[in-house]
């Protein structure tokens, strides 16, 4: 856990596990180029699938912690997760943690919970920390209700009951409501999921600042970093907010100085 969260107990985690569910979408077509940019900005971890980790992480060994995503939804099979790697494979790859999808509020919710519990039980045997991408995003609730604070609190509490170390979940729209989510998840570390691409960098940074002020242990963003025209610069700005307590304006200035241009 200290490999990921360091001395201040906070983490900027980058998720690049979208290739299974989305395919080679914009931003992750060239993983070699993307990883070089991101690792240079020293993220606190990268969340990857097995195939990407096998082919790219050896060159970055010791530079950035690896979180191996062991399950994922596929493009046509959702919300049910599909197993794609096991804890033992995470160990052989030098992972610092494993991550699991946990889609709740669906007709297969029981199976999702059983799968997560099984992975967690195995990880505990090896002292391997666990991360859940814990979302109330099943078909039994409307899309408009997925970020509702009560539904998100339910998803976080389920992960806590299972013994998860790091709970990644939806942003609920305000620092006040997300503070409720963080309290439900304690003493596990609750981190903000970036979700779909924000409209602007400022919107992303504002969400991050509010979340950190609400007690989040950090962030786990994907598209809001690597679908930016300047992913390394955005990552630098996010690190300033999470680790240096920078304001939104200061973080934007840092990011734009790094990019050498105005960021939308």
Protein backbone atom coordinates (compact mmCIF):
# COMPACT_ATOMS: atom_id res chain seq x y z
CA UNK A 1 0.00 0.00 0.00
CA UNK A 2 2.87 2.38 0.76
CA UNK A 3 4.25 1.80 -2.74
CA UNK A 4 1.02 3.32 -4.08
CA UNK A 5 0.16 5.91 -1.44
CA UNK A 6 3.58 7.00 -0.23
CA UNK A 7 4.32 9.21 2.73
CA UNK A 8 1.30 11.51 2.49
CA UNK A 9 -1.26 8.72 2.16
CA UNK A 10 -2.56 10.13 -1.14
CA UNK A 11 -2.35 8.76 -4.67
CA UNK A 12 -2.78 9.81 -8.29
CA UNK A 13 -3.64 6.54 -9.99
CA UNK A 14 -3.98 6.27 -13.78
CA UNK A 15 -6.37 3.65 -15.17
CA UNK A 16 -5.72 2.34 -18.68
CA UNK A 17 -7.95 -0.73 -18.60
CA UNK A 18 -10.41 0.46 -21.23
CA UNK A 19 -9.21 -1.58 -24.21
CA UNK A 20 -11.40 -4.58 -23.37
CA UNK A 21 -14.63 -2.68 -22.94
CA UNK A 22 -14.05 0.06 -25.51
CA UNK A 23 -11.40 -1.16 -27.94
CA UNK A 24 -8.53 1.05 -29.18
CA UNK A 25 -10.30 4.34 -28.51
CA UNK A 26 -8.68 7.74 -28.85
CA UNK A 27 -5.80 8.17 -26.43
CA UNK A 28 -4.82 4.52 -26.04
CA UNK A 29 -4.08 3.54 -29.62
CA UNK A 30 -0.32 3.85 -29.08
CA UNK A 31 0.44 2.45 -25.64
CA UNK A 32 4.19 2.74 -26.04
CA UNK A 33 4.00 6.50 -26.60
CA UNK A 34 1.35 7.03 -23.92
CA UNK A 35 3.18 5.11 -21.20
CA UNK A 36 6.42 6.99 -21.83
CA UNK A 37 4.58 10.30 -21.38
CA UNK A 38 2.75 9.23 -18.24
CA UNK A 39 5.60 7.45 -16.45
CA UNK A 40 7.73 10.55 -16.93
CA UNK A 41 5.28 12.44 -14.68
CA UNK A 42 5.56 9.81 -11.93
CA UNK A 43 1.96 8.67 -11.36
CA UNK A 44 1.50 6.70 -8.15
CA UNK A 45 0.28 3.66 -10.08
CA UNK A 46 -0.93 2.40 -13.44
CA UNK A 47 -3.94 0.07 -13.68
CA UNK A 48 -3.44 -2.24 -16.66
CA UNK A 49 -4.63 -5.54 -18.03
CA UNK A 50 -2.34 -8.54 -18.25
CA UNK A 51 -1.42 -8.27 -21.93
CA UNK A 52 -0.38 -4.63 -21.72
CA UNK A 53 1.55 -5.25 -18.49
CA UNK A 54 3.37 -8.22 -20.06
CA UNK A 55 4.50 -6.22 -23.06
CA UNK A 56 5.31 -2.85 -21.57
CA UNK A 57 5.91 -2.85 -17.83
CA UNK A 58 9.32 -4.52 -17.79
CA UNK A 59 10.91 -1.31 -19.08
CA UNK A 60 9.28 0.68 -16.28
CA UNK A 61 10.06 -1.72 -13.43
CA UNK A 62 10.84 0.22 -10.27
CA UNK A 63 9.55 3.48 -11.76
CA UNK A 64 5.81 3.10 -11.24
CA UNK A 65 3.67 0.62 -9.26
CA UNK A 66 1.46 -1.73 -11.25
CA UNK A 67 -2.13 -2.55 -10.37
CA UNK A 68 -3.30 -5.53 -12.43
CA UNK A 69 -6.96 -5.39 -13.45
CA UNK A 70 -8.14 -8.98 -13.14
CA UNK A 71 -11.71 -8.56 -14.41
CA UNK A 72 -13.47 -6.26 -16.83
CA UNK A 73 -16.68 -5.77 -18.73
CA UNK A 74 -16.47 -6.43 -22.43
CA UNK A 75 -17.95 -4.35 -25.20
CA UNK A 76 -21.02 -6.53 -25.61
CA UNK A 77 -21.25 -8.30 -22.23
CA UNK A 78 -22.19 -5.80 -19.57
CA UNK A 79 -22.68 -5.23 -16.66
CA UNK A 80 -21.32 -8.68 -15.84
CA UNK A 81 -17.55 -8.81 -15.38
CA UNK A 82 -15.32 -11.33 -17.15
CA UNK A 83 -12.27 -12.86 -15.42
CA UNK A 84 -9.10 -12.22 -17.40
CA UNK A 85 -6.26 -12.76 -14.91
CA UNK A 86 -5.65 -14.36 -11.52
CA UNK A 87 -3.88 -13.20 -8.38
CA UNK A 88 -0.94 -15.52 -9.03
CA UNK A 89 -0.37 -13.85 -12.41
CA UNK A 90 -0.37 -10.47 -10.72
CA UNK A 91 2.38 -11.72 -8.42
CA UNK A 92 4.55 -12.96 -11.27
CA UNK A 93 4.18 -9.59 -13.00
CA UNK A 94 5.38 -7.75 -9.90
CA UNK A 95 2.03 -6.06 -9.23
CA UNK A 96 1.56 -4.02 -6.07
CA UNK A 97 -2.21 -4.66 -6.03
CA UNK A 98 -5.02 -6.22 -8.02
CA UNK A 99 -8.15 -4.43 -9.21
CA UNK A 100 -11.61 -5.87 -9.76
CA UNK A 101 -14.73 -4.53 -11.34
CA UNK A 102 -17.76 -4.72 -9.04
CA UNK A 103 -20.94 -3.77 -10.85
CA UNK A 104 -23.85 -3.52 -8.45
CA UNK A 105 -27.60 -2.99 -8.90
CA UNK A 106 -27.86 -5.60 -11.64
CA UNK A 107 -29.54 -8.99 -12.01
CA UNK A 108 -26.14 -10.65 -11.62
CA UNK A 109 -25.21 -8.68 -8.49
CA UNK A 110 -24.87 -11.84 -6.39
CA UNK A 111 -22.39 -13.35 -8.86
CA UNK A 112 -20.44 -10.09 -8.97
CA UNK A 113 -20.10 -10.07 -5.19
CA UNK A 114 -19.14 -13.75 -5.08
CA UNK A 115 -16.45 -13.19 -7.73
CA UNK A 116 -15.01 -10.23 -5.87
CA UNK A 117 -15.04 -12.12 -2.57
CA UNK A 118 -13.14 -15.02 -4.16
CA UNK A 119 -10.43 -12.75 -5.58
CA UNK A 120 -10.09 -10.91 -2.28
CA UNK A 121 -9.78 -14.18 -0.36
CA UNK A 122 -6.95 -15.33 -2.62
CA UNK A 123 -5.20 -11.96 -2.52
CA UNK A 124 -5.25 -12.00 1.27
CA UNK A 125 -3.23 -15.24 1.25
CA UNK A 126 -0.38 -13.40 -0.45
CA UNK A 127 -0.73 -10.06 1.32
CA UNK A 128 -1.81 -8.48 -1.97
CA UNK A 129 -3.88 -5.28 -1.63
CA UNK A 130 -7.18 -5.13 -3.49
CA UNK A 131 -8.92 -2.37 -5.41
CA UNK A 132 -12.56 -2.44 -6.47
CA UNK A 133 -14.07 -0.31 -9.20
CA UNK A 134 -17.30 -0.32 -7.24
CA UNK A 135 -20.18 1.18 -9.19
CA UNK A 136 -23.99 1.19 -8.86
CA UNK A 137 -24.25 0.91 -12.63
CA UNK A 138 -26.35 -2.20 -13.23
CA UNK A 139 -29.47 -2.28 -15.36
CA UNK A 140 -31.82 -2.26 -12.36
CA UNK A 141 -31.40 1.48 -11.84
CA UNK A 142 -31.70 4.31 -14.36
CA UNK A 143 -28.55 5.88 -15.79
CA UNK A 144 -29.57 9.14 -14.12
CA UNK A 145 -29.45 7.46 -10.70
CA UNK A 146 -25.96 5.99 -10.94
CA UNK A 147 -24.23 8.99 -9.39
CA UNK A 148 -26.87 9.44 -6.71
CA UNK A 149 -25.13 9.65 -3.34
CA UNK A 150 -27.25 6.93 -1.71
CA UNK A 151 -26.52 4.49 -4.54
CA UNK A 152 -22.81 5.29 -4.49
CA UNK A 153 -22.74 4.86 -0.71
CA UNK A 154 -24.29 1.42 -1.18
CA UNK A 155 -21.58 0.43 -3.66
CA UNK A 156 -18.85 1.64 -1.32
CA UNK A 157 -20.31 -0.15 1.70
CA UNK A 158 -20.48 -3.44 -0.21
CA UNK A 159 -16.76 -3.16 -0.98
CA UNK A 160 -15.99 -2.34 2.64
CA UNK A 161 -17.94 -5.40 3.78
CA UNK A 162 -15.86 -7.55 1.43
CA UNK A 163 -12.59 -6.31 2.95
CA UNK A 164 -11.35 -4.17 0.06
CA UNK A 165 -8.34 -1.89 0.67
CA UNK A 166 -8.96 0.78 -2.01
CA UNK A 167 -12.45 1.64 -3.27
CA UNK A 168 -12.77 3.49 -6.56
CA UNK A 169 -16.23 4.89 -7.12
CA UNK A 170 -18.31 7.51 -8.89
CA UNK A 171 -18.07 11.22 -8.16
CA UNK A 172 -21.41 12.30 -6.70
CA UNK A 173 -21.39 15.86 -7.99
CA UNK A 174 -20.27 17.83 -4.95
CA UNK A 175 -17.76 17.78 -2.14
CA UNK A 176 -20.56 17.73 0.42
CA UNK A 177 -22.12 14.53 -0.90
CA UNK A 178 -18.77 12.88 -1.60
CA UNK A 179 -17.75 13.47 2.00
CA UNK A 180 -20.63 11.14 2.94
CA UNK A 181 -19.22 8.53 0.57
CA UNK A 182 -15.73 8.77 2.06
CA UNK A 183 -17.09 8.32 5.58
CA UNK A 184 -19.02 5.20 4.54
CA UNK A 185 -15.83 3.73 3.09
CA UNK A 186 -13.52 4.40 6.03
CA UNK A 187 -11.07 3.02 7.01
CA UNK A 188 -10.58 1.79 3.43
CA UNK A 189 -9.17 4.39 1.05
CA UNK A 190 -11.85 5.90 -1.19
CA UNK A 191 -10.63 7.33 -4.50
CA UNK A 192 -12.55 9.20 -7.18
CA UNK A 193 -13.30 7.63 -10.53
CA UNK A 194 -12.99 10.10 -13.36
CA UNK A 195 -15.77 8.52 -15.41
CA UNK A 196 -16.43 9.96 -18.88
CA UNK A 197 -14.25 12.77 -20.20
CA UNK A 198 -14.99 16.08 -18.48
CA UNK A 199 -15.90 19.01 -20.71
CA UNK A 200 -12.81 21.01 -19.68
CA UNK A 201 -9.59 20.61 -17.75
CA UNK A 202 -10.93 23.08 -15.21
CA UNK A 203 -13.97 20.87 -14.64
CA UNK A 204 -11.69 17.88 -14.03
CA UNK A 205 -9.43 19.83 -11.69
CA UNK A 206 -12.41 21.29 -9.81
CA UNK A 207 -13.85 17.80 -9.25
CA UNK A 208 -10.48 16.69 -7.95
CA UNK A 209 -10.06 19.66 -5.62
CA UNK A 210 -13.56 19.20 -4.18
CA UNK A 211 -12.99 15.48 -3.75
CA UNK A 212 -9.70 15.92 -1.93
CA UNK A 213 -11.26 18.53 0.34
CA UNK A 214 -14.01 15.99 1.08
CA UNK A 215 -11.42 13.49 2.34
CA UNK A 216 -10.74 11.33 -0.70
CA UNK A 217 -7.46 9.43 -0.61
CA UNK A 218 -6.81 10.31 -4.22
CA UNK A 219 -8.02 9.76 -7.75
CA UNK A 220 -8.09 7.01 -10.35
CA UNK A 221 -8.61 8.70 -13.71
CA UNK A 222 -8.39 7.33 -17.21
CA UNK A 223 -10.00 9.29 -20.04
CA UNK A 224 -9.65 12.61 -18.23
CA UNK A 225 -5.89 12.13 -18.47
CA UNK A 226 -5.10 10.16 -21.62
CA UNK A 227 -7.84 11.60 -23.84
CA UNK A 228 -6.47 15.08 -23.20
CA UNK A 229 -4.38 16.59 -25.98
CA UNK A 230 -1.64 16.96 -23.34
CA UNK A 231 -1.92 13.97 -20.97
CA UNK A 232 1.42 14.50 -19.21
CA UNK A 233 0.57 18.13 -18.46
CA UNK A 234 -2.84 17.22 -17.07
CA UNK A 235 -1.25 14.54 -14.92
CA UNK A 236 1.25 17.10 -13.58
CA UNK A 237 -1.60 19.43 -12.62
CA UNK A 238 -3.50 16.64 -10.90
CA UNK A 239 -0.43 15.67 -8.90
CA UNK A 240 -0.16 19.27 -7.72
CA UNK A 241 -3.73 19.16 -6.40
CA UNK A 242 -3.49 15.75 -4.74
CA UNK A 243 0.04 15.89 -3.32
CA UNK A 244 0.78 19.61 -2.98
CA UNK A 245 -2.72 20.84 -2.08
CA UNK A 246 -2.70 23.22 -5.06
CA UNK A 247 -5.75 25.28 -5.93
CA UNK A 248 -7.55 24.74 -9.22
CA UNK A 249 -6.09 27.94 -10.67
CA UNK A 250 -2.57 27.00 -9.58
CA UNK A 251 -2.92 23.50 -11.02
CA UNK A 252 -4.14 24.87 -14.34
CA UNK A 253 -1.17 27.23 -14.47
CA UNK A 254 1.18 24.30 -13.78
CA UNK A 255 -0.47 22.18 -16.46
CA UNK A 256 -0.45 24.94 -19.06
CA UNK A 257 3.20 25.78 -18.34
CA UNK A 258 4.00 22.12 -18.91
CA UNK A 259 1.95 21.92 -22.10
CA UNK A 260 3.21 25.25 -23.41
CA UNK A 261 -0.30 26.28 -24.41
CA UNK A 262 -3.80 27.03 -23.14
CA UNK A 263 -5.72 23.91 -22.12
CA UNK A 264 -9.44 23.70 -22.80
